[in-house]
């Protein structure tokens, strides 16, 4: 039987996926197909990993995120920080899962203007 990611990590992993979708949209709007493809290659494995969790999975997720960030240091998306950041900062952050029933400050975060 497959194990799900630990309940304590699920909100972080979901936020990471959310941010990856935001970044994908912004890359598409800019026409940056190469980086968009690399982003998709990086994050397509995350849902599968989340549903087949074992003692090695967190290290694998960290490695995947680190590899992407190393290749795109100027992207402005700090996926490892979302995974490993302090709990208080994570819970107080605006955006996806930022707070029950409240809209992020300034509207939908990360959406490029048309």
PDB file of N, CA and C in Angstrom:
ATOM      1  N   UNK A   1       0.838  -1.185   0.000  1.00  0.00           N
ATOM      2  CA  UNK A   1       0.000   0.000   0.000  1.00  0.00           C
ATOM      3  C   UNK A   1       0.882   1.247   0.000  1.00  0.00           C
ATOM      4  N   UNK A   2       0.521   2.206  -0.787  1.00  0.00           N
ATOM      5  CA  UNK A   2       1.280   3.443  -0.886  1.00  0.00           C
ATOM      6  C   UNK A   2       1.001   4.347   0.301  1.00  0.00           C
ATOM      7  N   UNK A   3       2.035   5.018   0.734  1.00  0.00           N
ATOM      8  CA  UNK A   3       1.911   5.982   1.825  1.00  0.00           C
ATOM      9  C   UNK A   3       1.861   7.392   1.244  1.00  0.00           C
ATOM     10  N   UNK A   4       1.006   8.221   1.810  1.00  0.00           N
ATOM     11  CA  UNK A   4       0.952   9.631   1.417  1.00  0.00           C
ATOM     12  C   UNK A   4       2.043  10.402   2.141  1.00  0.00           C
ATOM     13  N   UNK A   5       2.387  11.548   1.592  1.00  0.00           N
ATOM     14  CA  UNK A   5       3.323  12.441   2.273  1.00  0.00           C
ATOM     15  C   UNK A   5       2.781  12.747   3.662  1.00  0.00           C
ATOM     16  N   UNK A   6       3.652  12.927   4.646  1.00  0.00           N
ATOM     17  CA  UNK A   6       3.187  13.243   5.997  1.00  0.00           C
ATOM     18  C   UNK A   6       2.286  14.481   6.007  1.00  0.00           C
ATOM     19  N   UNK A   7       1.274  14.443   6.852  1.00  0.00           N
ATOM     20  CA  UNK A   7       0.311  15.547   6.927  1.00  0.00           C
ATOM     21  C   UNK A   7       0.998  16.879   7.216  1.00  0.00           C
ATOM     22  N   UNK A   8       2.090  16.858   7.939  1.00  0.00           N
ATOM     23  CA  UNK A   8       2.798  18.102   8.253  1.00  0.00           C
ATOM     24  C   UNK A   8       3.489  18.698   7.033  1.00  0.00           C
ATOM     25  N   UNK A   9       3.787  17.872   6.027  1.00  0.00           N
ATOM     26  CA  UNK A   9       4.456  18.367   4.814  1.00  0.00           C
ATOM     27  C   UNK A   9       3.485  18.669   3.681  1.00  0.00           C
ATOM     28  N   UNK A  10       2.301  18.104   3.718  1.00  0.00           N
ATOM     29  CA  UNK A  10       1.373  18.277   2.604  1.00  0.00           C
ATOM     30  C   UNK A  10       1.076  19.732   2.260  1.00  0.00           C
ATOM     31  N   UNK A  11       0.801  20.626   3.228  1.00  0.00           N
ATOM     32  CA  UNK A  11       0.555  22.027   2.855  1.00  0.00           C
ATOM     33  C   UNK A  11       1.763  22.671   2.166  1.00  0.00           C
ATOM     34  N   UNK A  12       2.948  22.347   2.591  1.00  0.00           N
ATOM     35  CA  UNK A  12       4.152  22.893   1.958  1.00  0.00           C
ATOM     36  C   UNK A  12       4.292  22.388   0.529  1.00  0.00           C
ATOM     37  N   UNK A  13       4.078  21.104   0.334  1.00  0.00           N
ATOM     38  CA  UNK A  13       4.197  20.529  -1.004  1.00  0.00           C
ATOM     39  C   UNK A  13       3.119  21.075  -1.932  1.00  0.00           C
ATOM     40  N   UNK A  14       1.925  21.272  -1.412  1.00  0.00           N
ATOM     41  CA  UNK A  14       0.858  21.855  -2.228  1.00  0.00           C
ATOM     42  C   UNK A  14       1.165  23.307  -2.576  1.00  0.00           C
ATOM     43  N   UNK A  15       1.737  24.051  -1.637  1.00  0.00           N
ATOM     44  CA  UNK A  15       2.120  25.434  -1.944  1.00  0.00           C
ATOM     45  C   UNK A  15       3.210  25.458  -3.018  1.00  0.00           C
ATOM     46  N   UNK A  16       4.143  24.534  -2.931  1.00  0.00           N
ATOM     47  CA  UNK A  16       5.197  24.447  -3.941  1.00  0.00           C
ATOM     48  C   UNK A  16       4.585  24.187  -5.317  1.00  0.00           C
ATOM     49  N   UNK A  17       3.641  23.263  -5.389  1.00  0.00           N
ATOM     50  CA  UNK A  17       2.970  23.010  -6.673  1.00  0.00           C
ATOM     51  C   UNK A  17       2.215  24.237  -7.157  1.00  0.00           C
ATOM     52  N   UNK A  18       1.546  24.915  -6.240  1.00  0.00           N
ATOM     53  CA  UNK A  18       0.823  26.143  -6.595  1.00  0.00           C
ATOM     54  C   UNK A  18       1.787  27.168  -7.190  1.00  0.00           C
ATOM     55  N   UNK A  19       2.903  27.402  -6.515  1.00  0.00           N
ATOM     56  CA  UNK A  19       3.887  28.367  -7.011  1.00  0.00           C
ATOM     57  C   UNK A  19       4.454  27.944  -8.362  1.00  0.00           C
ATOM     58  N   UNK A  20       4.630  26.643  -8.565  1.00  0.00           N
ATOM     59  CA  UNK A  20       5.124  26.165  -9.860  1.00  0.00           C
ATOM     60  C   UNK A  20       4.121  26.480 -10.973  1.00  0.00           C
ATOM     61  N   UNK A  21       2.821  26.347 -10.681  1.00  0.00           N
ATOM     62  CA  UNK A  21       1.812  26.709 -11.677  1.00  0.00           C
ATOM     63  C   UNK A  21       1.817  28.215 -11.954  1.00  0.00           C
ATOM     64  N   UNK A  22       1.987  29.017 -10.921  1.00  0.00           N
ATOM     65  CA  UNK A  22       2.071  30.469 -11.111  1.00  0.00           C
ATOM     66  C   UNK A  22       3.284  30.800 -11.982  1.00  0.00           C
ATOM     67  N   UNK A  23       4.419  30.182 -11.665  1.00  0.00           N
ATOM     68  CA  UNK A  23       5.611  30.434 -12.461  1.00  0.00           C
ATOM     69  C   UNK A  23       5.407  29.959 -13.897  1.00  0.00           C
ATOM     70  N   UNK A  24       4.751  28.822 -14.086  1.00  0.00           N
ATOM     71  CA  UNK A  24       4.490  28.316 -15.436  1.00  0.00           C
ATOM     72  C   UNK A  24       3.666  29.313 -16.248  1.00  0.00           C
ATOM     73  N   UNK A  25       2.648  29.867 -15.619  1.00  0.00           N
ATOM     74  CA  UNK A  25       1.824  30.861 -16.319  1.00  0.00           C
ATOM     75  C   UNK A  25       2.655  32.063 -16.719  1.00  0.00           C
ATOM     76  N   UNK A  26       3.485  32.549 -15.803  1.00  0.00           N
ATOM     77  CA  UNK A  26       4.308  33.714 -16.101  1.00  0.00           C
ATOM     78  C   UNK A  26       5.340  33.420 -17.183  1.00  0.00           C
ATOM     79  N   UNK A  27       5.909  32.239 -17.170  1.00  0.00           N
ATOM     80  CA  UNK A  27       6.853  31.861 -18.228  1.00  0.00           C
ATOM     81  C   UNK A  27       6.146  31.770 -19.578  1.00  0.00           C
ATOM     82  N   UNK A  28       4.941  31.220 -19.581  1.00  0.00           N
ATOM     83  CA  UNK A  28       4.175  31.132 -20.823  1.00  0.00           C
ATOM     84  C   UNK A  28       3.845  32.516 -21.368  1.00  0.00           C
ATOM     85  N   UNK A  29       3.449  33.432 -20.483  1.00  0.00           N
ATOM     86  CA  UNK A  29       3.142  34.792 -20.921  1.00  0.00           C
ATOM     87  C   UNK A  29       4.360  35.496 -21.509  1.00  0.00           C
ATOM     88  N   UNK A  30       5.551  35.159 -20.987  1.00  0.00           N
ATOM     89  CA  UNK A  30       6.794  35.733 -21.511  1.00  0.00           C
ATOM     90  C   UNK A  30       7.303  34.999 -22.743  1.00  0.00           C
ATOM     91  N   UNK A  31       6.734  33.838 -23.021  1.00  0.00           N
ATOM     92  CA  UNK A  31       7.178  33.042 -24.158  1.00  0.00           C
ATOM     93  C   UNK A  31       8.478  32.292 -23.908  1.00  0.00           C
ATOM     94  N   UNK A  32       8.799  32.053 -22.655  1.00  0.00           N
ATOM     95  CA  UNK A  32      10.041  31.355 -22.298  1.00  0.00           C
ATOM     96  C   UNK A  32       9.779  29.850 -22.269  1.00  0.00           C
ATOM     97  N   UNK A  33       9.716  29.263 -23.451  1.00  0.00           N
ATOM     98  CA  UNK A  33       9.354  27.852 -23.574  1.00  0.00           C
ATOM     99  C   UNK A  33      10.411  26.915 -22.995  1.00  0.00           C
ATOM    100  N   UNK A  34      11.682  27.289 -23.102  1.00  0.00           N
ATOM    101  CA  UNK A  34      12.742  26.425 -22.579  1.00  0.00           C
ATOM    102  C   UNK A  34      12.628  26.263 -21.068  1.00  0.00           C
ATOM    103  N   UNK A  35      12.520  27.378 -20.358  1.00  0.00           N
ATOM    104  CA  UNK A  35      12.416  27.288 -18.900  1.00  0.00           C
ATOM    105  C   UNK A  35      11.083  26.676 -18.494  1.00  0.00           C
ATOM    106  N   UNK A  36      10.025  26.962 -19.230  1.00  0.00           N
ATOM    107  CA  UNK A  36       8.716  26.361 -18.940  1.00  0.00           C
ATOM    108  C   UNK A  36       8.798  24.843 -19.047  1.00  0.00           C
ATOM    109  N   UNK A  37       9.487  24.354 -20.056  1.00  0.00           N
ATOM    110  CA  UNK A  37       9.667  22.917 -20.220  1.00  0.00           C
ATOM    111  C   UNK A  37      10.465  22.326 -19.057  1.00  0.00           C
ATOM    112  N   UNK A  38      11.517  23.013 -18.640  1.00  0.00           N
ATOM    113  CA  UNK A  38      12.323  22.548 -17.509  1.00  0.00           C
ATOM    114  C   UNK A  38      11.514  22.558 -16.212  1.00  0.00           C
ATOM    115  N   UNK A  39      10.675  23.569 -16.049  1.00  0.00           N
ATOM    116  CA  UNK A  39       9.800  23.634 -14.877  1.00  0.00           C
ATOM    117  C   UNK A  39       8.844  22.438 -14.854  1.00  0.00           C
ATOM    118  N   UNK A  40       8.228  22.166 -16.003  1.00  0.00           N
ATOM    119  CA  UNK A  40       7.304  21.031 -16.090  1.00  0.00           C
ATOM    120  C   UNK A  40       8.028  19.717 -15.817  1.00  0.00           C
ATOM    121  N   UNK A  41       9.216  19.553 -16.381  1.00  0.00           N
ATOM    122  CA  UNK A  41       9.990  18.334 -16.135  1.00  0.00           C
ATOM    123  C   UNK A  41      10.310  18.171 -14.657  1.00  0.00           C
ATOM    124  N   UNK A  42      10.567  19.268 -13.977  1.00  0.00           N
ATOM    125  CA  UNK A  42      10.903  19.225 -12.552  1.00  0.00           C
ATOM    126  C   UNK A  42       9.706  18.824 -11.707  1.00  0.00           C
ATOM    127  N   UNK A  43       8.578  19.462 -11.939  1.00  0.00           N
ATOM    128  CA  UNK A  43       7.448  19.324 -11.020  1.00  0.00           C
ATOM    129  C   UNK A  43       6.460  18.221 -11.372  1.00  0.00           C
ATOM    130  N   UNK A  44       6.595  17.612 -12.545  1.00  0.00           N
ATOM    131  CA  UNK A  44       5.650  16.557 -12.896  1.00  0.00           C
ATOM    132  C   UNK A  44       5.772  15.346 -11.971  1.00  0.00           C
ATOM    133  N   UNK A  45       6.930  15.152 -11.365  1.00  0.00           N
ATOM    134  CA  UNK A  45       7.142  13.998 -10.480  1.00  0.00           C
ATOM    135  C   UNK A  45       6.577  14.212  -9.073  1.00  0.00           C
ATOM    136  N   UNK A  46       6.363  15.449  -8.685  1.00  0.00           N
ATOM    137  CA  UNK A  46       5.976  15.734  -7.301  1.00  0.00           C
ATOM    138  C   UNK A  46       4.664  15.070  -6.866  1.00  0.00           C
ATOM    139  N   UNK A  47       3.590  15.110  -7.642  1.00  0.00           N
ATOM    140  CA  UNK A  47       2.355  14.429  -7.184  1.00  0.00           C
ATOM    141  C   UNK A  47       2.555  12.922  -6.972  1.00  0.00           C
ATOM    142  N   UNK A  48       3.303  12.307  -7.864  1.00  0.00           N
ATOM    143  CA  UNK A  48       3.570  10.869  -7.712  1.00  0.00           C
ATOM    144  C   UNK A  48       4.373  10.602  -6.437  1.00  0.00           C
ATOM    145  N   UNK A  49       5.372  11.421  -6.194  1.00  0.00           N
ATOM    146  CA  UNK A  49       6.169  11.263  -4.979  1.00  0.00           C
ATOM    147  C   UNK A  49       5.308  11.457  -3.731  1.00  0.00           C
ATOM    148  N   UNK A  50       4.383  12.401  -3.788  1.00  0.00           N
ATOM    149  CA  UNK A  50       3.522  12.675  -2.636  1.00  0.00           C
ATOM    150  C   UNK A  50       2.611  11.498  -2.300  1.00  0.00           C
ATOM    151  N   UNK A  51       2.323  10.650  -3.267  1.00  0.00           N
ATOM    152  CA  UNK A  51       1.419   9.521  -3.026  1.00  0.00           C
ATOM    153  C   UNK A  51       2.154   8.187  -2.843  1.00  0.00           C
ATOM    154  N   UNK A  52       3.470   8.226  -2.922  1.00  0.00           N
ATOM    155  CA  UNK A  52       4.286   7.025  -2.710  1.00  0.00           C
ATOM    156  C   UNK A  52       5.456   7.387  -1.800  1.00  0.00           C
ATOM    157  N   UNK A  53       5.140   7.866  -0.636  1.00  0.00           N
ATOM    158  CA  UNK A  53       6.118   8.421   0.296  1.00  0.00           C
ATOM    159  C   UNK A  53       6.822   7.315   1.065  1.00  0.00           C
ATOM    160  N   UNK A  54       8.132   7.434   1.185  1.00  0.00           N
ATOM    161  CA  UNK A  54       8.896   6.546   2.065  1.00  0.00           C
ATOM    162  C   UNK A  54      10.023   7.358   2.694  1.00  0.00           C
ATOM    163  N   UNK A  55      10.937   6.678   3.380  1.00  0.00           N
ATOM    164  CA  UNK A  55      11.990   7.394   4.109  1.00  0.00           C
ATOM    165  C   UNK A  55      12.973   8.127   3.199  1.00  0.00           C
ATOM    166  N   UNK A  56      12.958   7.856   1.900  1.00  0.00           N
ATOM    167  CA  UNK A  56      13.883   8.522   0.977  1.00  0.00           C
ATOM    168  C   UNK A  56      13.245   9.676   0.208  1.00  0.00           C
ATOM    169  N   UNK A  57      11.943   9.804   0.280  1.00  0.00           N
ATOM    170  CA  UNK A  57      11.240  10.736  -0.610  1.00  0.00           C
ATOM    171  C   UNK A  57      11.569  12.196  -0.342  1.00  0.00           C
ATOM    172  N   UNK A  58      11.647  12.597   0.907  1.00  0.00           N
ATOM    173  CA  UNK A  58      11.931  14.000   1.201  1.00  0.00           C
ATOM    174  C   UNK A  58      13.280  14.409   0.616  1.00  0.00           C
ATOM    175  N   UNK A  59      14.268  13.564   0.737  1.00  0.00           N
ATOM    176  CA  UNK A  59      15.587  13.862   0.158  1.00  0.00           C
ATOM    177  C   UNK A  59      15.497  13.948  -1.363  1.00  0.00           C
ATOM    178  N   UNK A  60      14.695  13.098  -1.978  1.00  0.00           N
ATOM    179  CA  UNK A  60      14.523  13.151  -3.433  1.00  0.00           C
ATOM    180  C   UNK A  60      13.846  14.444  -3.859  1.00  0.00           C
ATOM    181  N   UNK A  61      12.819  14.855  -3.108  1.00  0.00           N
ATOM    182  CA  UNK A  61      12.125  16.112  -3.411  1.00  0.00           C
ATOM    183  C   UNK A  61      13.110  17.284  -3.286  1.00  0.00           C
ATOM    184  N   UNK A  62      13.870  17.307  -2.202  1.00  0.00           N
ATOM    185  CA  UNK A  62      14.870  18.373  -2.015  1.00  0.00           C
ATOM    186  C   UNK A  62      15.851  18.428  -3.187  1.00  0.00           C
ATOM    187  N   UNK A  63      16.308  17.272  -3.625  1.00  0.00           N
ATOM    188  CA  UNK A  63      17.268  17.191  -4.734  1.00  0.00           C
ATOM    189  C   UNK A  63      16.655  17.747  -6.026  1.00  0.00           C
ATOM    190  N   UNK A  64      15.411  17.375  -6.307  1.00  0.00           N
ATOM    191  CA  UNK A  64      14.712  17.853  -7.504  1.00  0.00           C
ATOM    192  C   UNK A  64      14.575  19.380  -7.471  1.00  0.00           C
ATOM    193  N   UNK A  65      14.146  19.902  -6.333  1.00  0.00           N
ATOM    194  CA  UNK A  65      13.969  21.353  -6.195  1.00  0.00           C
ATOM    195  C   UNK A  65      15.304  22.080  -6.290  1.00  0.00           C
ATOM    196  N   UNK A  66      16.323  21.543  -5.644  1.00  0.00           N
ATOM    197  CA  UNK A  66      17.648  22.172  -5.668  1.00  0.00           C
ATOM    198  C   UNK A  66      18.207  22.209  -7.082  1.00  0.00           C
ATOM    199  N   UNK A  67      18.020  21.135  -7.822  1.00  0.00           N
ATOM    200  CA  UNK A  67      18.527  21.092  -9.199  1.00  0.00           C
ATOM    201  C   UNK A  67      17.864  22.170 -10.057  1.00  0.00           C
ATOM    202  N   UNK A  68      16.546  22.325  -9.905  1.00  0.00           N
ATOM    203  CA  UNK A  68      15.852  23.363 -10.678  1.00  0.00           C
ATOM    204  C   UNK A  68      16.331  24.750 -10.266  1.00  0.00           C
ATOM    205  N   UNK A  69      16.398  25.006  -8.974  1.00  0.00           N
ATOM    206  CA  UNK A  69      16.820  26.330  -8.491  1.00  0.00           C
ATOM    207  C   UNK A  69      18.245  26.651  -8.910  1.00  0.00           C
ATOM    208  N   UNK A  70      19.125  25.673  -8.919  1.00  0.00           N
ATOM    209  CA  UNK A  70      20.505  25.895  -9.349  1.00  0.00           C
ATOM    210  C   UNK A  70      20.548  26.300 -10.817  1.00  0.00           C
ATOM    211  N   UNK A  71      19.698  25.699 -11.612  1.00  0.00           N
ATOM    212  CA  UNK A  71      19.639  26.036 -13.034  1.00  0.00           C
ATOM    213  C   UNK A  71      18.963  27.359 -13.333  1.00  0.00           C
ATOM    214  N   UNK A  72      18.196  27.877 -12.372  1.00  0.00           N
ATOM    215  CA  UNK A  72      17.431  29.117 -12.575  1.00  0.00           C
ATOM    216  C   UNK A  72      17.501  29.991 -11.324  1.00  0.00           C
ATOM    217  N   UNK A  73      18.711  30.431 -10.962  1.00  0.00           N
ATOM    218  CA  UNK A  73      18.862  31.172  -9.699  1.00  0.00           C
ATOM    219  C   UNK A  73      18.178  32.534  -9.686  1.00  0.00           C
ATOM    220  N   UNK A  74      17.910  33.101 -10.835  1.00  0.00           N
ATOM    221  CA  UNK A  74      17.296  34.428 -10.902  1.00  0.00           C
ATOM    222  C   UNK A  74      15.776  34.365 -11.084  1.00  0.00           C
ATOM    223  N   UNK A  75      15.187  33.193 -10.952  1.00  0.00           N
ATOM    224  CA  UNK A  75      13.759  33.049 -11.245  1.00  0.00           C
ATOM    225  C   UNK A  75      12.863  33.722 -10.209  1.00  0.00           C
ATOM    226  N   UNK A  76      13.368  33.901  -8.975  1.00  0.00           N
ATOM    227  CA  UNK A  76      12.564  34.529  -7.939  1.00  0.00           C
ATOM    228  C   UNK A  76      11.638  33.568  -7.216  1.00  0.00           C
ATOM    229  N   UNK A  77      11.694  32.298  -7.554  1.00  0.00           N
ATOM    230  CA  UNK A  77      10.859  31.299  -6.902  1.00  0.00           C
ATOM    231  C   UNK A  77      11.764  30.430  -6.045  1.00  0.00           C
ATOM    232  N   UNK A  78      11.600  30.547  -4.736  1.00  0.00           N
ATOM    233  CA  UNK A  78      12.462  29.854  -3.776  1.00  0.00           C
ATOM    234  C   UNK A  78      11.756  28.609  -3.249  1.00  0.00           C
ATOM    235  N   UNK A  79      11.734  27.577  -4.069  1.00  0.00           N
ATOM    236  CA  UNK A  79      11.007  26.363  -3.711  1.00  0.00           C
ATOM    237  C   UNK A  79      11.589  25.669  -2.488  1.00  0.00           C
ATOM    238  N   UNK A  80      12.902  25.637  -2.359  1.00  0.00           N
ATOM    239  CA  UNK A  80      13.503  25.011  -1.181  1.00  0.00           C
ATOM    240  C   UNK A  80      13.142  25.762   0.095  1.00  0.00           C
ATOM    241  N   UNK A  81      13.053  27.070   0.009  1.00  0.00           N
ATOM    242  CA  UNK A  81      12.646  27.859   1.177  1.00  0.00           C
ATOM    243  C   UNK A  81      11.220  27.519   1.599  1.00  0.00           C
ATOM    244  N   UNK A  82      10.368  27.277   0.626  1.00  0.00           N
ATOM    245  CA  UNK A  82       8.988  26.880   0.956  1.00  0.00           C
ATOM    246  C   UNK A  82       8.962  25.512   1.630  1.00  0.00           C
ATOM    247  N   UNK A  83       9.853  24.638   1.217  1.00  0.00           N
ATOM    248  CA  UNK A  83       9.898  23.303   1.810  1.00  0.00           C
ATOM    249  C   UNK A  83      10.524  23.326   3.200  1.00  0.00           C
ATOM    250  N   UNK A  84      11.602  24.071   3.353  1.00  0.00           N
ATOM    251  CA  UNK A  84      12.399  24.005   4.579  1.00  0.00           C
ATOM    252  C   UNK A  84      12.271  25.212   5.496  1.00  0.00           C
ATOM    253  N   UNK A  85      11.492  26.221   5.096  1.00  0.00           N
ATOM    254  CA  UNK A  85      11.394  27.449   5.874  1.00  0.00           C
ATOM    255  C   UNK A  85      10.767  27.232   7.236  1.00  0.00           C
ATOM    256  N   UNK A  86      10.853  28.273   8.044  1.00  0.00           N
ATOM    257  CA  UNK A  86      10.283  28.211   9.392  1.00  0.00           C
ATOM    258  C   UNK A  86       8.766  28.093   9.336  1.00  0.00           C
ATOM    259  N   UNK A  87       8.228  27.343  10.248  1.00  0.00           N
ATOM    260  CA  UNK A  87       6.788  27.078  10.301  1.00  0.00           C
ATOM    261  C   UNK A  87       5.968  28.356  10.459  1.00  0.00           C
ATOM    262  N   UNK A  88       6.380  29.246  11.332  1.00  0.00           N
ATOM    263  CA  UNK A  88       5.630  30.472  11.569  1.00  0.00           C
ATOM    264  C   UNK A  88       5.545  31.316  10.305  1.00  0.00           C
ATOM    265  N   UNK A  89       6.667  31.487   9.634  1.00  0.00           N
ATOM    266  CA  UNK A  89       6.683  32.281   8.403  1.00  0.00           C
ATOM    267  C   UNK A  89       5.818  31.625   7.336  1.00  0.00           C
ATOM    268  N   UNK A  90       5.874  30.307   7.254  1.00  0.00           N
ATOM    269  CA  UNK A  90       5.074  29.585   6.270  1.00  0.00           C
ATOM    270  C   UNK A  90       3.584  29.797   6.525  1.00  0.00           C
ATOM    271  N   UNK A  91       3.163  29.675   7.751  1.00  0.00           N
ATOM    272  CA  UNK A  91       1.743  29.797   8.083  1.00  0.00           C
ATOM    273  C   UNK A  91       1.224  31.221   7.910  1.00  0.00           C
ATOM    274  N   UNK A  92       2.089  32.220   8.094  1.00  0.00           N
ATOM    275  CA  UNK A  92       1.669  33.609   7.982  1.00  0.00           C
ATOM    276  C   UNK A  92       1.792  34.171   6.572  1.00  0.00           C
ATOM    277  N   UNK A  93       2.401  33.431   5.669  1.00  0.00           N
ATOM    278  CA  UNK A  93       2.644  33.923   4.308  1.00  0.00           C
ATOM    279  C   UNK A  93       1.334  34.125   3.563  1.00  0.00           C
ATOM    280  N   UNK A  94       1.329  35.130   2.703  1.00  0.00           N
ATOM    281  CA  UNK A  94       0.176  35.354   1.849  1.00  0.00           C
ATOM    282  C   UNK A  94       0.205  34.360   0.704  1.00  0.00           C
ATOM    283  N   UNK A  95      -0.935  34.163   0.070  1.00  0.00           N
ATOM    284  CA  UNK A  95      -1.005  33.280  -1.073  1.00  0.00           C
ATOM    285  C   UNK A  95      -1.703  31.990  -0.718  1.00  0.00           C
ATOM    286  N   UNK A  96      -1.469  30.982  -1.486  1.00  0.00           N
ATOM    287  CA  UNK A  96      -2.106  29.680  -1.321  1.00  0.00           C
ATOM    288  C   UNK A  96      -1.911  29.172   0.098  1.00  0.00           C
ATOM    289  N   UNK A  97      -2.994  28.778   0.736  1.00  0.00           N
ATOM    290  CA  UNK A  97      -2.990  28.277   2.108  1.00  0.00           C
ATOM    291  C   UNK A  97      -2.480  29.314   3.103  1.00  0.00           C
ATOM    292  N   UNK A  98      -2.470  30.580   2.714  1.00  0.00           N
ATOM    293  CA  UNK A  98      -1.944  31.616   3.592  1.00  0.00           C
ATOM    294  C   UNK A  98      -2.819  31.887   4.790  1.00  0.00           C
ATOM    295  N   UNK A  99      -4.058  31.644   4.677  1.00  0.00           N
ATOM    296  CA  UNK A  99      -4.962  31.851   5.801  1.00  0.00           C
ATOM    297  C   UNK A  99      -6.354  31.476   5.371  1.00  0.00           C
ATOM    298  N   UNK A 100      -7.040  30.785   6.200  1.00  0.00           N
ATOM    299  CA  UNK A 100      -8.372  30.307   5.843  1.00  0.00           C
ATOM    300  C   UNK A 100      -9.303  31.467   5.563  1.00  0.00           C
ATOM    301  N   UNK A 101      -9.918  31.435   4.395  1.00  0.00           N
ATOM    302  CA  UNK A 101     -10.955  32.392   4.067  1.00  0.00           C
ATOM    303  C   UNK A 101     -10.484  33.798   3.776  1.00  0.00           C
ATOM    304  N   UNK A 102      -9.188  34.000   3.544  1.00  0.00           N
ATOM    305  CA  UNK A 102      -8.761  35.362   3.223  1.00  0.00           C
ATOM    306  C   UNK A 102      -8.045  35.384   1.887  1.00  0.00           C
ATOM    307  N   UNK A 103      -8.251  36.448   1.181  1.00  0.00           N
ATOM    308  CA  UNK A 103      -7.635  36.667  -0.123  1.00  0.00           C
ATOM    309  C   UNK A 103      -6.231  37.219   0.093  1.00  0.00           C
ATOM    310  N   UNK A 104      -5.242  36.797  -0.714  1.00  0.00           N
ATOM    311  CA  UNK A 104      -3.899  37.346  -0.567  1.00  0.00           C
ATOM    312  C   UNK A 104      -3.890  38.856  -0.763  1.00  0.00           C
ATOM    313  N   UNK A 105      -2.980  39.535  -0.086  1.00  0.00           N
ATOM    314  CA  UNK A 105      -2.837  40.972  -0.254  1.00  0.00           C
ATOM    315  C   UNK A 105      -2.493  41.275  -1.704  1.00  0.00           C
ATOM    316  N   UNK A 106      -3.138  42.283  -2.262  1.00  0.00           N
ATOM    317  CA  UNK A 106      -2.833  42.690  -3.627  1.00  0.00           C
ATOM    318  C   UNK A 106      -3.408  41.772  -4.688  1.00  0.00           C
ATOM    319  N   UNK A 107      -4.374  40.943  -4.354  1.00  0.00           N
ATOM    320  CA  UNK A 107      -4.988  40.070  -5.349  1.00  0.00           C
ATOM    321  C   UNK A 107      -4.234  38.767  -5.495  1.00  0.00           C
ATOM    322  N   UNK A 108      -4.343  38.157  -6.677  1.00  0.00           N
ATOM    323  CA  UNK A 108      -3.733  36.866  -6.926  1.00  0.00           C
ATOM    324  C   UNK A 108      -2.245  37.049  -7.170  1.00  0.00           C
ATOM    325  N   UNK A 109      -1.468  36.464  -6.318  1.00  0.00           N
ATOM    326  CA  UNK A 109      -0.010  36.614  -6.313  1.00  0.00           C
ATOM    327  C   UNK A 109       0.638  36.071  -7.574  1.00  0.00           C
ATOM    328  N   UNK A 110       1.577  36.830  -8.107  1.00  0.00           N
ATOM    329  CA  UNK A 110       2.419  36.336  -9.168  1.00  0.00           C
ATOM    330  C   UNK A 110       1.829  36.389 -10.558  1.00  0.00           C
ATOM    331  N   UNK A 111       0.642  36.925 -10.728  1.00  0.00           N
ATOM    332  CA  UNK A 111       0.033  36.940 -12.044  1.00  0.00           C
ATOM    333  C   UNK A 111       0.540  38.163 -12.791  1.00  0.00           C
ATOM    334  N   UNK A 112       1.108  37.893 -13.940  1.00  0.00           N
ATOM    335  CA  UNK A 112       1.618  38.991 -14.765  1.00  0.00           C
ATOM    336  C   UNK A 112       0.451  39.748 -15.374  1.00  0.00           C
ATOM    337  N   UNK A 113       0.613  41.051 -15.492  1.00  0.00           N
ATOM    338  CA  UNK A 113      -0.413  41.871 -16.125  1.00  0.00           C
ATOM    339  C   UNK A 113      -0.407  41.644 -17.621  1.00  0.00           C
ATOM    340  N   UNK A 114      -1.582  41.606 -18.240  1.00  0.00           N
ATOM    341  CA  UNK A 114      -1.629  41.396 -19.702  1.00  0.00           C
ATOM    342  C   UNK A 114      -1.068  42.579 -20.446  1.00  0.00           C
TER     343      UNK A 114
END
